Amino acid sequence: MEHHPAAAWLTEAVGAAQQQGAGNLLRVVLIVMVLGCVLTAWFLLRGYKRKDD
């Protein structure tokens, strides 16, 4: 069996990603949560806007 440096690099990268854990997932969840809070606040607060006609 021949040794392929690219394959070795790929398996090391996959191993490093698995060691990192749920960092990327947590980052995505936090971003979605913050955006959801902002959109919810905007939706709720726009109903309280007074119309000065």
N, C-alpha and C. Protein backbone atom coordinates (compact mmCIF):
# COMPACT_ATOMS: atom_id res chain seq x y z
N MET A 1 0.84 -1.18 0.00
CA MET A 1 0.00 0.00 0.00
C MET A 1 0.88 1.24 0.00
N GLU A 2 0.59 2.18 -0.87
CA GLU A 2 1.38 3.39 -0.99
C GLU A 2 0.94 4.42 0.06
N HIS A 3 1.88 5.25 0.40
CA HIS A 3 1.59 6.31 1.36
C HIS A 3 1.25 7.59 0.60
N HIS A 4 0.08 8.16 0.88
CA HIS A 4 -0.35 9.39 0.23
C HIS A 4 -0.35 10.51 1.27
N PRO A 5 0.50 11.52 1.11
CA PRO A 5 0.54 12.60 2.09
C PRO A 5 -0.78 13.36 2.21
N ALA A 6 -1.50 13.51 1.10
CA ALA A 6 -2.78 14.23 1.16
C ALA A 6 -3.79 13.45 2.00
N ALA A 7 -3.80 12.14 1.86
CA ALA A 7 -4.72 11.32 2.64
C ALA A 7 -4.37 11.38 4.12
N ALA A 8 -3.09 11.39 4.42
CA ALA A 8 -2.66 11.49 5.82
C ALA A 8 -3.07 12.84 6.40
N TRP A 9 -2.91 13.91 5.61
CA TRP A 9 -3.29 15.24 6.08
C TRP A 9 -4.79 15.31 6.33
N LEU A 10 -5.57 14.68 5.43
CA LEU A 10 -7.02 14.69 5.56
C LEU A 10 -7.46 13.96 6.81
N THR A 11 -6.87 12.80 7.08
CA THR A 11 -7.26 12.05 8.28
C THR A 11 -6.86 12.79 9.54
N GLU A 12 -5.73 13.51 9.51
CA GLU A 12 -5.34 14.32 10.67
C GLU A 12 -6.31 15.48 10.87
N ALA A 13 -6.75 16.09 9.78
CA ALA A 13 -7.69 17.21 9.88
C ALA A 13 -9.03 16.74 10.44
N VAL A 14 -9.48 15.56 10.00
CA VAL A 14 -10.74 15.01 10.52
C VAL A 14 -10.60 14.69 12.00
N GLY A 15 -9.49 14.14 12.39
CA GLY A 15 -9.25 13.83 13.80
C GLY A 15 -9.22 15.09 14.65
N ALA A 16 -8.62 16.16 14.13
CA ALA A 16 -8.58 17.42 14.87
C ALA A 16 -9.97 18.03 14.99
N ALA A 17 -10.78 17.90 13.95
CA ALA A 17 -12.14 18.44 13.99
C ALA A 17 -12.99 17.68 15.01
N GLN A 18 -12.77 16.39 15.11
CA GLN A 18 -13.55 15.61 16.09
C GLN A 18 -13.10 15.93 17.50
N GLN A 19 -11.82 16.28 17.68
CA GLN A 19 -11.33 16.64 19.01
C GLN A 19 -11.89 17.99 19.45
N GLN A 20 -12.17 18.86 18.51
CA GLN A 20 -12.65 20.20 18.84
C GLN A 20 -14.00 20.14 19.55
N GLY A 21 -14.81 19.18 19.23
CA GLY A 21 -16.10 19.05 19.89
C GLY A 21 -17.18 19.84 19.18
N ALA A 22 -18.09 20.39 19.96
CA ALA A 22 -19.26 21.06 19.41
C ALA A 22 -19.06 22.57 19.33
N GLY A 23 -17.85 23.02 19.09
CA GLY A 23 -17.58 24.46 19.04
C GLY A 23 -18.33 25.15 17.93
N ASN A 24 -18.30 24.58 16.73
CA ASN A 24 -19.00 25.20 15.60
C ASN A 24 -20.50 25.16 15.79
N LEU A 25 -21.01 24.06 16.30
CA LEU A 25 -22.45 23.95 16.55
C LEU A 25 -22.89 24.98 17.59
N LEU A 26 -22.12 25.12 18.64
CA LEU A 26 -22.46 26.10 19.67
C LEU A 26 -22.44 27.52 19.12
N ARG A 27 -21.46 27.81 18.26
CA ARG A 27 -21.36 29.13 17.64
C ARG A 27 -22.61 29.41 16.80
N VAL A 28 -23.04 28.44 16.01
CA VAL A 28 -24.22 28.61 15.16
C VAL A 28 -25.47 28.79 16.01
N VAL A 29 -25.60 28.00 17.06
CA VAL A 29 -26.77 28.10 17.94
C VAL A 29 -26.83 29.48 18.59
N LEU A 30 -25.69 29.99 19.03
CA LEU A 30 -25.68 31.31 19.67
C LEU A 30 -26.03 32.42 18.69
N ILE A 31 -25.52 32.33 17.47
CA ILE A 31 -25.84 33.35 16.46
C ILE A 31 -27.32 33.34 16.12
N VAL A 32 -27.88 32.14 15.94
CA VAL A 32 -29.31 32.03 15.62
C VAL A 32 -30.15 32.54 16.78
N MET A 33 -29.72 32.26 18.00
CA MET A 33 -30.47 32.71 19.18
C MET A 33 -30.47 34.24 19.27
N VAL A 34 -29.32 34.86 19.05
CA VAL A 34 -29.24 36.32 19.12
C VAL A 34 -30.08 36.95 18.02
N LEU A 35 -29.98 36.42 16.80
CA LEU A 35 -30.79 36.96 15.71
C LEU A 35 -32.28 36.78 15.99
N GLY A 36 -32.66 35.66 16.56
CA GLY A 36 -34.06 35.43 16.90
C GLY A 36 -34.55 36.41 17.95
N CYS A 37 -33.71 36.71 18.94
CA CYS A 37 -34.10 37.69 19.97
C CYS A 37 -34.26 39.08 19.37
N VAL A 38 -33.35 39.45 18.47
CA VAL A 38 -33.44 40.77 17.84
C VAL A 38 -34.70 40.87 17.00
N LEU A 39 -34.99 39.85 16.20
CA LEU A 39 -36.18 39.88 15.36
C LEU A 39 -37.46 39.87 16.19
N THR A 40 -37.47 39.12 17.27
CA THR A 40 -38.64 39.09 18.15
C THR A 40 -38.87 40.45 18.80
N ALA A 41 -37.79 41.08 19.28
CA ALA A 41 -37.92 42.40 19.88
C ALA A 41 -38.42 43.42 18.87
N TRP A 42 -37.89 43.35 17.65
CA TRP A 42 -38.33 44.28 16.61
C TRP A 42 -39.82 44.07 16.30
N PHE A 43 -40.23 42.82 16.19
CA PHE A 43 -41.62 42.51 15.88
C PHE A 43 -42.56 42.99 16.98
N LEU A 44 -42.17 42.77 18.23
CA LEU A 44 -43.02 43.18 19.34
C LEU A 44 -43.04 44.69 19.52
N LEU A 45 -41.89 45.33 19.38
CA LEU A 45 -41.81 46.77 19.63
C LEU A 45 -42.42 47.60 18.51
N ARG A 46 -42.50 47.06 17.31
CA ARG A 46 -43.08 47.86 16.23
C ARG A 46 -44.59 48.02 16.42
N GLY A 47 -45.20 47.15 17.19
CA GLY A 47 -46.62 47.29 17.48
C GLY A 47 -46.92 48.40 18.46
N TYR A 48 -45.90 48.85 19.21
CA TYR A 48 -46.10 49.92 20.18
C TYR A 48 -45.79 51.28 19.63
N LYS A 49 -45.43 51.36 18.36
CA LYS A 49 -45.11 52.64 17.74
C LYS A 49 -46.39 53.48 17.62
N ARG A 50 -46.31 54.73 18.05
CA ARG A 50 -47.48 55.61 17.98
C ARG A 50 -47.55 56.29 16.63
N LYS A 51 -48.77 56.43 16.16
CA LYS A 51 -48.99 57.14 14.90
C LYS A 51 -49.50 58.53 15.23
N ASP A 52 -48.66 59.52 14.97
CA ASP A 52 -49.01 60.91 15.26
C ASP A 52 -49.52 61.56 13.99
N ASP A 53 -50.76 61.31 13.65
CA ASP A 53 -51.34 61.89 12.42
C ASP A 53 -52.09 63.16 12.72
